Amino acid sequence: AVRARLAEAADLVDVEGYAVAWVARRYDIPVNLIKLVSDPADEDAGRLWIDGVAECSRVLSEYLAAER
C-alpha cells in the first residue's frame, strides 16, 4: 500500500542514500551524496543497467574533475 502511494507521486526512490544520510546525521558526520540514475525500475532494468552505469561513470568523472 505504501509503495503504491509512493509510486503515484515519486519518480525515484533512494533507499541507500537515506540510510547513509541517517547514519551520518546520527553520528554528526558531514556527508555529501552524489547520486545518478543508472537504470529504470522496470523489466528492462537488467538489460539497460550496463549502459546506464557506463554513462553514470562518465558524468560522475566530469563532475569530480570540475570540482577539483
C-alpha atoms as a PDB file:
ATOM      1  CA  ALA A   1       0.000   0.000   0.000  1.00  0.00           C
ATOM      2  CA  VAL A   2       2.768   2.450   0.913  1.00  0.00           C
ATOM      3  CA  ARG A   3       4.801   1.523  -2.162  1.00  0.00           C
ATOM      4  CA  ALA A   4       1.791   2.075  -4.426  1.00  0.00           C
ATOM      5  CA  ARG A   5       1.162   5.534  -2.930  1.00  0.00           C
ATOM      6  CA  LEU A   6       4.815   6.483  -3.354  1.00  0.00           C
ATOM      7  CA  ALA A   7       4.807   5.273  -6.961  1.00  0.00           C
ATOM      8  CA  GLU A   8       1.947   7.657  -7.751  1.00  0.00           C
ATOM      9  CA  ALA A   9       3.922  10.709  -6.623  1.00  0.00           C
ATOM     10  CA  ALA A  10       7.611   9.836  -6.964  1.00  0.00           C
ATOM     11  CA  ASP A  11       9.786   9.259  -9.988  1.00  0.00           C
ATOM     12  CA  LEU A  12      12.713   7.967  -7.910  1.00  0.00           C
ATOM     13  CA  VAL A  13      13.263   6.275  -4.574  1.00  0.00           C
ATOM     14  CA  ASP A  14      16.676   6.438  -2.902  1.00  0.00           C
ATOM     15  CA  VAL A  15      16.832   3.837  -0.148  1.00  0.00           C
ATOM     16  CA  GLU A  16      20.613   3.540   0.156  1.00  0.00           C
ATOM     17  CA  GLY A  17      21.254   7.278   0.254  1.00  0.00           C
ATOM     18  CA  TYR A  18      18.723   7.731   3.030  1.00  0.00           C
ATOM     19  CA  ALA A  19      20.493   5.107   5.137  1.00  0.00           C
ATOM     20  CA  VAL A  20      23.883   6.782   4.648  1.00  0.00           C
ATOM     21  CA  ALA A  21      22.460  10.216   5.485  1.00  0.00           C
ATOM     22  CA  TRP A  22      20.660   8.877   8.556  1.00  0.00           C
ATOM     23  CA  VAL A  23      23.816   7.282   9.996  1.00  0.00           C
ATOM     24  CA  ALA A  24      25.895  10.376   9.210  1.00  0.00           C
ATOM     25  CA  ARG A  25      23.385  12.598  10.984  1.00  0.00           C
ATOM     26  CA  ARG A  26      23.140  10.226  13.940  1.00  0.00           C
ATOM     27  CA  TYR A  27      26.915  10.358  14.461  1.00  0.00           C
ATOM     28  CA  ASP A  28      27.297  14.018  13.448  1.00  0.00           C
ATOM     29  CA  ILE A  29      29.435  13.171  10.411  1.00  0.00           C
ATOM     30  CA  PRO A  30      29.268  15.525   7.412  1.00  0.00           C
ATOM     31  CA  VAL A  31      28.273  13.761   4.220  1.00  0.00           C
ATOM     32  CA  ASN A  32      27.570  14.700   0.610  1.00  0.00           C
ATOM     33  CA  LEU A  33      25.750  12.233  -1.602  1.00  0.00           C
ATOM     34  CA  ILE A  34      26.085  12.338  -5.363  1.00  0.00           C
ATOM     35  CA  LYS A  35      23.533  10.039  -6.943  1.00  0.00           C
ATOM     36  CA  LEU A  36      22.909   9.169 -10.571  1.00  0.00           C
ATOM     37  CA  VAL A  37      20.147   7.045 -12.048  1.00  0.00           C
ATOM     38  CA  SER A  38      21.708   4.024 -13.733  1.00  0.00           C
ATOM     39  CA  ASP A  39      18.576   2.202 -14.868  1.00  0.00           C
ATOM     40  CA  PRO A  40      14.779   2.259 -14.756  1.00  0.00           C
ATOM     41  CA  ALA A  41      12.984   0.256 -12.094  1.00  0.00           C
ATOM     42  CA  ASP A  42      11.124  -1.954 -14.530  1.00  0.00           C
ATOM     43  CA  GLU A  43      11.521  -5.155 -16.510  1.00  0.00           C
ATOM     44  CA  ASP A  44      14.222  -3.564 -18.711  1.00  0.00           C
ATOM     45  CA  ALA A  45      16.473  -2.730 -15.741  1.00  0.00           C
ATOM     46  CA  GLY A  46      18.878  -5.638 -16.155  1.00  0.00           C
ATOM     47  CA  ARG A  47      19.311  -5.077 -19.863  1.00  0.00           C
ATOM     48  CA  LEU A  48      19.815  -1.319 -19.534  1.00  0.00           C
ATOM     49  CA  TRP A  49      21.950  -1.358 -16.377  1.00  0.00           C
ATOM     50  CA  ILE A  50      25.323  -1.806 -18.059  1.00  0.00           C
ATOM     51  CA  ASP A  51      24.741   1.141 -20.410  1.00  0.00           C
ATOM     52  CA  GLY A  52      23.460   3.251 -17.531  1.00  0.00           C
ATOM     53  CA  VAL A  53      26.497   2.514 -15.390  1.00  0.00           C
ATOM     54  CA  ALA A  54      28.849   3.494 -18.204  1.00  0.00           C
ATOM     55  CA  GLU A  55      27.018   6.800 -18.701  1.00  0.00           C
ATOM     56  CA  CYS A  56      26.885   7.489 -14.951  1.00  0.00           C
ATOM     57  CA  SER A  57      30.613   6.825 -14.695  1.00  0.00           C
ATOM     58  CA  ARG A  58      31.295   9.356 -17.433  1.00  0.00           C
ATOM     59  CA  VAL A  59      29.045  12.009 -15.849  1.00  0.00           C
ATOM     60  CA  LEU A  60      30.490  11.455 -12.372  1.00  0.00           C
ATOM     61  CA  SER A  61      34.060  11.690 -13.694  1.00  0.00           C
ATOM     62  CA  GLU A  62      33.261  15.011 -15.360  1.00  0.00           C
ATOM     63  CA  TYR A  63      31.605  16.322 -12.197  1.00  0.00           C
ATOM     64  CA  LEU A  64      34.511  15.344  -9.957  1.00  0.00           C
ATOM     65  CA  ALA A  65      37.060  16.818 -12.367  1.00  0.00           C
ATOM     66  CA  ALA A  66      35.162  20.123 -12.326  1.00  0.00           C
ATOM     67  CA  GLU A  67      35.054  20.132  -8.504  1.00  0.00           C
ATOM     68  CA  ARG A  68      38.850  19.948  -8.157  1.00  0.00           C
END
